[in-house]
């Protein structure tokens, strides 16, 4: 395909060079000797032929590829904004070209289309440079334009649905606004539910059951949207693209998705962070009762759990296995996985 376009450019260069060469010779008069005119015309045609052959990919193929890549990355709002900019630029170019057409000659023939193309390119470049401001200004008018400020829409990640705690969180009424489930999240849940692996299949079916429970009992409204983003391969990338286009927050318990979304300025509601935030706050010196249910990693340690799932490691607690034990907190350790409490039997204080 590239070779055909290059040959076409060479042919156009030859024709244009021949016409321009004859025009230059006519205007040159006695400046070019009659004996040298064939050589001048031949050299001029060869130069325009080579220019057309070598330059046309940079005028047609490469800009087209760049445009396709940019369009594949653009959201609906950016695409609509770009089309509007091109139309406005062409109209401006036509208005500029009307007086140019009155000049006549080469300027009158080539001036109007060149002016229209340049005006469209300049308008498109200026619009894309300030697209964030324009998308915010035309929120609600352009499709996919991000509304100003924080919206009340929360797009749900697959991991948060499968986790199941979303049902209890939503039932409390802490999430205000509309829960959005894109079509690609439903498709991924369906693929997981149809997996030949029994564990993945159970997780997928649990996710579908959680969505059904949300639709029946949720305090917040549930909306299924037909967003697919076929040009984006990964579901996490699709989620972030949808959140950017609509200004929605992402509800997830995926640590990596949380970090990447934060870097892109997308608001994230992480169920794990919420669970850690609402756990009981304890301080060294506090006393409590805990049932020792297993041995710890170190010799003599016993392990128990609070009602909210917080692990308590009791030094010397292994001898109280399967018994309720009064303990005194010695230190509290916050880790990525959650909060751990270290304690010792109260009579050992």
Protein backbone atom coordinates (compact mmCIF):
# COMPACT_ATOMS: atom_id res chain seq x y z
CA UNK A 1 0.00 0.00 0.00
CA UNK A 2 2.84 2.39 0.84
CA UNK A 3 4.55 1.70 -2.50
CA UNK A 4 1.34 2.43 -4.42
CA UNK A 5 0.94 5.74 -2.60
CA UNK A 6 4.59 6.61 -3.31
CA UNK A 7 4.15 5.85 -7.03
CA UNK A 8 1.02 7.99 -7.02
CA UNK A 9 3.02 10.80 -5.40
CA UNK A 10 5.73 10.42 -8.06
CA UNK A 11 3.11 10.64 -10.82
CA UNK A 12 1.52 13.72 -9.27
CA UNK A 13 4.97 15.25 -8.79
CA UNK A 14 5.77 14.65 -12.46
CA UNK A 15 2.54 16.23 -13.70
CA UNK A 16 2.74 19.19 -11.34
CA UNK A 17 6.47 19.65 -12.09
CA UNK A 18 5.86 19.59 -15.83
CA UNK A 19 3.06 22.17 -15.57
CA UNK A 20 5.01 24.42 -13.20
CA UNK A 21 8.17 24.05 -15.28
CA UNK A 22 6.40 25.16 -18.46
CA UNK A 23 4.84 28.07 -16.57
CA UNK A 24 8.24 29.15 -15.22
CA UNK A 25 9.85 28.92 -18.66
CA UNK A 26 7.10 31.09 -20.14
CA UNK A 27 7.59 33.69 -17.43
CA UNK A 28 11.40 33.48 -17.58
CA UNK A 29 11.56 34.84 -21.11
CA UNK A 30 15.17 35.37 -22.17
CA UNK A 31 16.58 34.43 -18.75
CA UNK A 32 16.83 30.80 -19.90
CA UNK A 33 18.46 30.09 -23.25
CA UNK A 34 16.28 28.10 -25.69
CA UNK A 35 18.96 25.41 -25.87
CA UNK A 36 18.88 24.98 -22.09
CA UNK A 37 15.11 24.85 -21.72
CA UNK A 38 14.71 21.06 -22.21
CA UNK A 39 17.42 20.41 -19.64
CA UNK A 40 15.84 22.87 -17.19
CA UNK A 41 12.40 21.32 -17.65
CA UNK A 42 13.78 17.79 -17.26
CA UNK A 43 15.67 18.69 -14.08
CA UNK A 44 12.63 20.45 -12.66
CA UNK A 45 10.36 17.46 -13.40
CA UNK A 46 12.87 15.00 -11.90
CA UNK A 47 13.10 17.14 -8.75
CA UNK A 48 9.32 17.30 -8.30
CA UNK A 49 9.04 13.56 -9.09
CA UNK A 50 11.53 12.69 -6.31
CA UNK A 51 9.88 15.13 -3.94
CA UNK A 52 6.47 13.59 -4.61
CA UNK A 53 7.81 10.04 -4.20
CA UNK A 54 9.65 10.74 -0.93
CA UNK A 55 7.36 13.32 0.68
CA UNK A 56 3.88 11.92 0.06
CA UNK A 57 4.09 9.30 2.90
CA UNK A 58 4.74 12.14 5.35
CA UNK A 59 1.75 14.02 3.95
CA UNK A 60 -0.70 11.09 3.80
CA UNK A 61 0.30 7.79 5.49
CA UNK A 62 2.04 8.95 8.66
CA UNK A 63 -0.49 11.68 9.56
CA UNK A 64 -3.29 9.19 8.90
CA UNK A 65 -1.72 6.60 11.21
CA UNK A 66 -1.18 9.22 13.90
CA UNK A 67 -4.78 10.38 13.55
CA UNK A 68 -6.09 6.80 13.86
CA UNK A 69 -3.99 6.23 17.02
CA UNK A 70 -5.22 9.45 18.60
CA UNK A 71 -8.83 8.70 17.69
CA UNK A 72 -8.57 5.21 19.21
CA UNK A 73 -7.41 6.77 22.49
CA UNK A 74 -9.93 9.62 22.49
CA UNK A 75 -13.15 9.47 24.44
CA UNK A 76 -16.54 10.32 22.97
CA UNK A 77 -16.34 13.91 24.20
CA UNK A 78 -12.88 14.49 22.71
CA UNK A 79 -13.98 12.97 19.38
CA UNK A 80 -17.06 15.19 19.18
CA UNK A 81 -14.99 18.23 20.16
CA UNK A 82 -12.44 17.44 17.42
CA UNK A 83 -15.12 17.05 14.75
CA UNK A 84 -16.70 20.34 15.78
CA UNK A 85 -13.30 22.07 15.64
CA UNK A 86 -12.62 20.76 12.12
CA UNK A 87 -16.05 21.90 10.88
CA UNK A 88 -15.61 25.36 12.38
CA UNK A 89 -12.09 25.58 10.92
CA UNK A 90 -13.33 24.63 7.44
CA UNK A 91 -16.08 27.26 7.62
CA UNK A 92 -13.51 29.87 8.65
CA UNK A 93 -11.25 28.75 5.79
CA UNK A 94 -14.07 29.09 3.27
CA UNK A 95 -14.78 32.64 4.47
CA UNK A 96 -11.08 33.49 4.14
CA UNK A 97 -10.95 31.83 0.71
CA UNK A 98 -13.74 33.94 -0.81
CA UNK A 99 -11.58 37.08 -1.24
CA UNK A 100 -8.60 34.92 -2.26
CA UNK A 101 -10.64 33.43 -5.11
CA UNK A 102 -11.14 36.93 -6.51
CA UNK A 103 -7.38 37.38 -6.97
CA UNK A 104 -7.26 34.93 -9.88
CA UNK A 105 -4.34 32.92 -11.18
CA UNK A 106 -2.58 30.31 -9.08
CA UNK A 107 -3.40 32.15 -5.85
CA UNK A 108 -7.08 32.26 -6.73
CA UNK A 109 -7.10 28.55 -7.55
CA UNK A 110 -5.00 27.11 -4.72
CA UNK A 111 -5.58 29.77 -2.05
CA UNK A 112 -9.13 28.84 -0.91
CA UNK A 113 -8.55 25.07 -0.37
CA UNK A 114 -5.17 25.69 1.28
CA UNK A 115 -6.71 28.31 3.57
CA UNK A 116 -9.55 25.94 4.51
CA UNK A 117 -7.17 23.06 5.36
CA UNK A 118 -4.82 25.28 7.36
CA UNK A 119 -7.69 26.86 9.29
CA UNK A 120 -9.09 23.39 10.12
CA UNK A 121 -5.67 22.15 11.32
CA UNK A 122 -5.04 25.25 13.43
CA UNK A 123 -8.53 25.10 14.94
CA UNK A 124 -8.17 21.37 15.71
CA UNK A 125 -4.75 21.86 17.32
CA UNK A 126 -5.93 24.77 19.48
CA UNK A 127 -9.05 22.85 20.54
CA UNK A 128 -7.15 19.69 21.51
CA UNK A 129 -4.59 21.76 23.43
CA UNK A 130 -7.37 23.17 25.63
CA UNK A 131 -9.66 20.12 25.51
CA UNK A 132 -9.81 19.67 29.31
CA UNK A 133 -11.22 23.17 29.81
CA UNK A 134 -13.62 22.85 26.87
CA UNK A 135 -14.89 19.42 27.93
CA UNK A 136 -15.64 20.79 31.40
CA UNK A 137 -17.33 23.87 29.90
CA UNK A 138 -19.56 21.78 27.63
CA UNK A 139 -20.37 19.08 30.20
CA UNK A 140 -23.82 17.69 29.47
CA UNK A 141 -23.71 18.91 25.85
CA UNK A 142 -20.91 16.82 24.36
CA UNK A 143 -21.28 13.03 24.65
CA UNK A 144 -18.91 11.67 27.28
CA UNK A 145 -17.80 15.12 28.43
CA UNK A 146 -16.72 15.05 32.05
CA UNK A 147 -19.04 17.02 34.32
CA UNK A 148 -17.54 19.73 36.48
CA UNK A 149 -16.56 18.78 40.01
CA UNK A 150 -17.31 15.44 41.62
CA UNK A 151 -20.29 13.52 40.31
CA UNK A 152 -22.53 11.15 42.25
CA UNK A 153 -21.79 8.16 40.00
CA UNK A 154 -19.68 5.22 41.21
CA UNK A 155 -18.53 2.62 38.68
CA UNK A 156 -18.16 -0.86 40.16
CA UNK A 157 -15.08 -3.02 39.60
CA UNK A 158 -15.33 -6.80 39.13
CA UNK A 159 -13.21 -7.48 42.24
CA UNK A 160 -15.53 -5.42 44.44
CA UNK A 161 -18.58 -7.31 43.16
CA UNK A 162 -17.03 -10.74 43.72
CA UNK A 163 -15.78 -9.71 47.18
CA UNK A 164 -19.40 -9.35 48.29
CA UNK A 165 -18.95 -6.71 51.01
CA UNK A 166 -20.34 -4.16 48.56
CA UNK A 167 -23.86 -5.40 49.36
CA UNK A 168 -23.50 -4.63 53.07
CA UNK A 169 -21.74 -1.30 52.41
CA UNK A 170 -24.44 -0.11 50.02
CA UNK A 171 -27.17 -1.26 52.40
CA UNK A 172 -25.82 1.11 55.07
CA UNK A 173 -26.43 4.10 52.80
CA UNK A 174 -22.83 5.34 53.00
CA UNK A 175 -22.51 5.36 49.19
CA UNK A 176 -24.50 8.29 47.86
CA UNK A 177 -25.48 8.38 44.22
CA UNK A 178 -25.82 5.82 41.44
CA UNK A 179 -23.85 2.57 41.20
CA UNK A 180 -22.85 2.01 37.58
CA UNK A 181 -22.11 -1.46 36.19
CA UNK A 182 -20.63 -1.23 32.66
CA UNK A 183 -21.31 -3.95 30.12
CA UNK A 184 -17.65 -5.02 30.08
CA UNK A 185 -17.81 -5.78 33.84
CA UNK A 186 -20.84 -7.99 33.28
CA UNK A 187 -19.05 -9.71 30.39
CA UNK A 188 -16.01 -10.41 32.58
CA UNK A 189 -18.20 -11.82 35.36
CA UNK A 190 -19.90 -14.07 32.80
CA UNK A 191 -16.52 -15.29 31.51
CA UNK A 192 -15.38 -16.07 35.06
CA UNK A 193 -18.66 -17.85 35.82
CA UNK A 194 -18.22 -20.01 32.67
CA UNK A 195 -14.59 -20.88 33.49
CA UNK A 196 -13.64 -24.59 33.50
CA UNK A 197 -11.78 -23.97 36.78
CA UNK A 198 -14.14 -24.69 39.68
CA UNK A 199 -12.77 -21.94 41.95
CA UNK A 200 -13.00 -19.25 39.27
CA UNK A 201 -16.46 -20.48 38.30
CA UNK A 202 -17.69 -20.18 41.89
CA UNK A 203 -16.24 -16.66 42.18
CA UNK A 204 -17.96 -15.60 38.97
CA UNK A 205 -21.31 -17.00 40.09
CA UNK A 206 -20.91 -15.30 43.46
CA UNK A 207 -20.32 -11.99 41.65
CA UNK A 208 -23.49 -12.42 39.59
CA UNK A 209 -25.42 -13.24 42.77
CA UNK A 210 -24.07 -10.10 44.46
CA UNK A 211 -25.21 -7.96 41.50
CA UNK A 212 -28.66 -9.54 41.69
CA UNK A 213 -28.79 -8.80 45.43
CA UNK A 214 -27.77 -5.20 44.79
CA UNK A 215 -30.53 -4.71 42.23
CA UNK A 216 -33.15 -6.10 44.61
CA UNK A 217 -32.20 -4.57 47.95
CA UNK A 218 -29.73 -1.74 47.39
CA UNK A 219 -30.46 1.68 48.85
CA UNK A 220 -28.56 3.31 45.96
CA UNK A 221 -29.92 2.90 42.41
CA UNK A 222 -28.11 0.46 40.09
CA UNK A 223 -27.57 1.38 36.43
CA UNK A 224 -26.32 -0.97 33.71
CA UNK A 225 -24.57 0.99 30.95
CA UNK A 226 -23.69 -0.34 27.50
CA UNK A 227 -20.12 0.94 27.56
CA UNK A 228 -17.66 -1.46 25.90
CA UNK A 229 -14.49 0.46 24.83
CA UNK A 230 -13.54 -2.18 22.21
CA UNK A 231 -10.25 -0.40 21.46
CA UNK A 232 -9.07 -1.04 25.06
CA UNK A 233 -8.02 -4.59 25.95
CA UNK A 234 -7.85 -4.73 29.76
CA UNK A 235 -10.93 -4.40 31.96
CA UNK A 236 -9.06 -2.16 34.43
CA UNK A 237 -8.12 0.18 31.58
CA UNK A 238 -11.74 0.21 30.43
CA UNK A 239 -12.84 1.16 33.96
CA UNK A 240 -10.41 4.07 34.09
CA UNK A 241 -11.42 5.23 30.60
CA UNK A 242 -15.10 5.22 31.62
CA UNK A 243 -14.30 7.03 34.89
CA UNK A 244 -12.31 9.70 33.02
CA UNK A 245 -15.06 10.22 30.45
CA UNK A 246 -17.89 10.50 32.97
CA UNK A 247 -16.16 11.86 36.08
CA UNK A 248 -17.27 8.80 38.07
CA UNK A 249 -15.44 7.26 41.02
CA UNK A 250 -14.26 3.62 40.96
CA UNK A 251 -15.36 1.20 43.68
CA UNK A 252 -12.77 -1.58 44.00
CA UNK A 253 -10.61 -3.61 46.37
CA UNK A 254 -7.82 -4.07 43.79
CA UNK A 255 -4.64 -2.46 45.19
CA UNK A 256 -2.92 -2.03 41.79
CA UNK A 257 -6.00 -0.52 40.16
CA UNK A 258 -6.30 1.84 43.11
CA UNK A 259 -2.71 3.10 42.71
CA UNK A 260 -2.91 3.54 38.92
CA UNK A 261 -6.25 5.34 39.16
CA UNK A 262 -4.83 7.67 41.84
CA UNK A 263 -1.95 8.56 39.52
CA UNK A 264 -4.45 9.52 36.83
CA UNK A 265 -6.47 11.70 39.17
CA UNK A 266 -9.46 9.34 39.34
CA UNK A 267 -11.37 9.14 42.63
CA UNK A 268 -11.28 5.63 44.15
CA UNK A 269 -13.41 4.05 46.87
CA UNK A 270 -11.48 1.05 48.20
CA UNK A 271 -13.47 -1.45 50.27
CA UNK A 272 -10.32 -2.77 51.98
CA UNK A 273 -9.33 0.73 53.11
CA UNK A 274 -12.88 1.29 54.36
CA UNK A 275 -12.79 -1.98 56.31
CA UNK A 276 -9.48 -1.03 57.94
CA UNK A 277 -10.75 2.45 58.74
CA UNK A 278 -13.81 1.21 60.67
CA UNK A 279 -11.99 -1.41 62.73
CA UNK A 280 -11.82 -0.90 66.45
CA UNK A 281 -9.10 1.48 67.60
CA UNK A 282 -7.01 0.14 70.45
CA UNK A 283 -3.97 1.56 72.23
CA UNK A 284 -1.15 0.03 74.22
CA UNK A 285 -2.23 -0.61 77.78
CA UNK A 286 -5.88 -1.36 76.99
CA UNK A 287 -7.36 -4.57 78.33
CA UNK A 288 -9.68 -6.98 76.53
CA UNK A 289 -10.72 -10.62 76.33
CA UNK A 290 -9.74 -12.84 73.41
CA UNK A 291 -10.16 -16.53 72.65
CA UNK A 292 -6.94 -18.23 71.60
CA UNK A 293 -7.69 -20.44 68.60
CA UNK A 294 -4.29 -21.25 67.05
CA UNK A 295 -0.53 -21.11 67.51
CA UNK A 296 1.48 -18.13 66.33
CA UNK A 297 4.58 -18.10 64.13
CA UNK A 298 6.95 -17.68 67.06
CA UNK A 299 7.35 -20.20 69.87
CA UNK A 300 4.79 -19.79 72.65
CA UNK A 301 2.58 -17.33 70.77
CA UNK A 302 -1.18 -17.77 70.63
CA UNK A 303 -3.45 -16.11 68.07
CA UNK A 304 -7.01 -14.88 68.39
CA UNK A 305 -9.29 -12.50 66.51
CA UNK A 306 -11.61 -9.65 67.37
CA UNK A 307 -15.17 -9.58 66.06
CA UNK A 308 -14.09 -7.35 63.16
CA UNK A 309 -11.38 -9.82 62.10
CA UNK A 310 -8.39 -8.02 63.60
CA UNK A 311 -5.62 -10.49 64.52
CA UNK A 312 -4.31 -10.49 68.11
CA UNK A 313 -0.96 -12.16 68.80
CA UNK A 314 -0.60 -13.06 72.48
CA UNK A 315 2.91 -13.72 73.80
CA UNK A 316 2.87 -16.94 75.82
CA UNK A 317 -0.74 -17.52 74.87
CA UNK A 318 -0.31 -20.95 73.34
CA UNK A 319 -0.87 -22.63 76.70
CA UNK A 320 -4.37 -21.12 76.80
CA UNK A 321 -5.48 -22.79 73.55
CA UNK A 322 -9.28 -22.73 73.02
CA UNK A 323 -9.80 -20.63 76.12
CA UNK A 324 -10.98 -17.05 76.70
CA UNK A 325 -8.09 -15.04 78.03
CA UNK A 326 -7.89 -11.52 79.51
CA UNK A 327 -4.99 -9.73 77.81
CA UNK A 328 -3.27 -6.35 77.90
CA UNK A 329 -2.29 -4.66 74.60
CA UNK A 330 1.46 -4.03 74.24
CA UNK A 331 1.65 -2.57 70.72
CA UNK A 332 -0.38 -2.11 67.54
CA UNK A 333 1.11 -2.68 64.08
CA UNK A 334 -0.50 -1.32 60.88
CA UNK A 335 0.43 -3.31 57.76
CA UNK A 336 -0.72 -3.33 54.13
CA UNK A 337 -2.85 -6.37 54.93
CA UNK A 338 -4.50 -4.67 57.91
CA UNK A 339 -3.99 -4.05 61.62
CA UNK A 340 -2.27 -6.49 64.00
CA UNK A 341 -2.42 -6.26 67.78
CA UNK A 342 0.24 -7.68 70.07
CA UNK A 343 -0.69 -8.44 73.68
CA UNK A 344 0.26 -10.49 76.72
CA UNK A 345 -1.82 -12.28 79.34
CA UNK A 346 -3.01 -9.82 81.94
CA UNK A 347 -1.51 -11.74 84.85
CA UNK A 348 1.89 -11.47 83.12
CA UNK A 349 1.86 -7.66 83.24
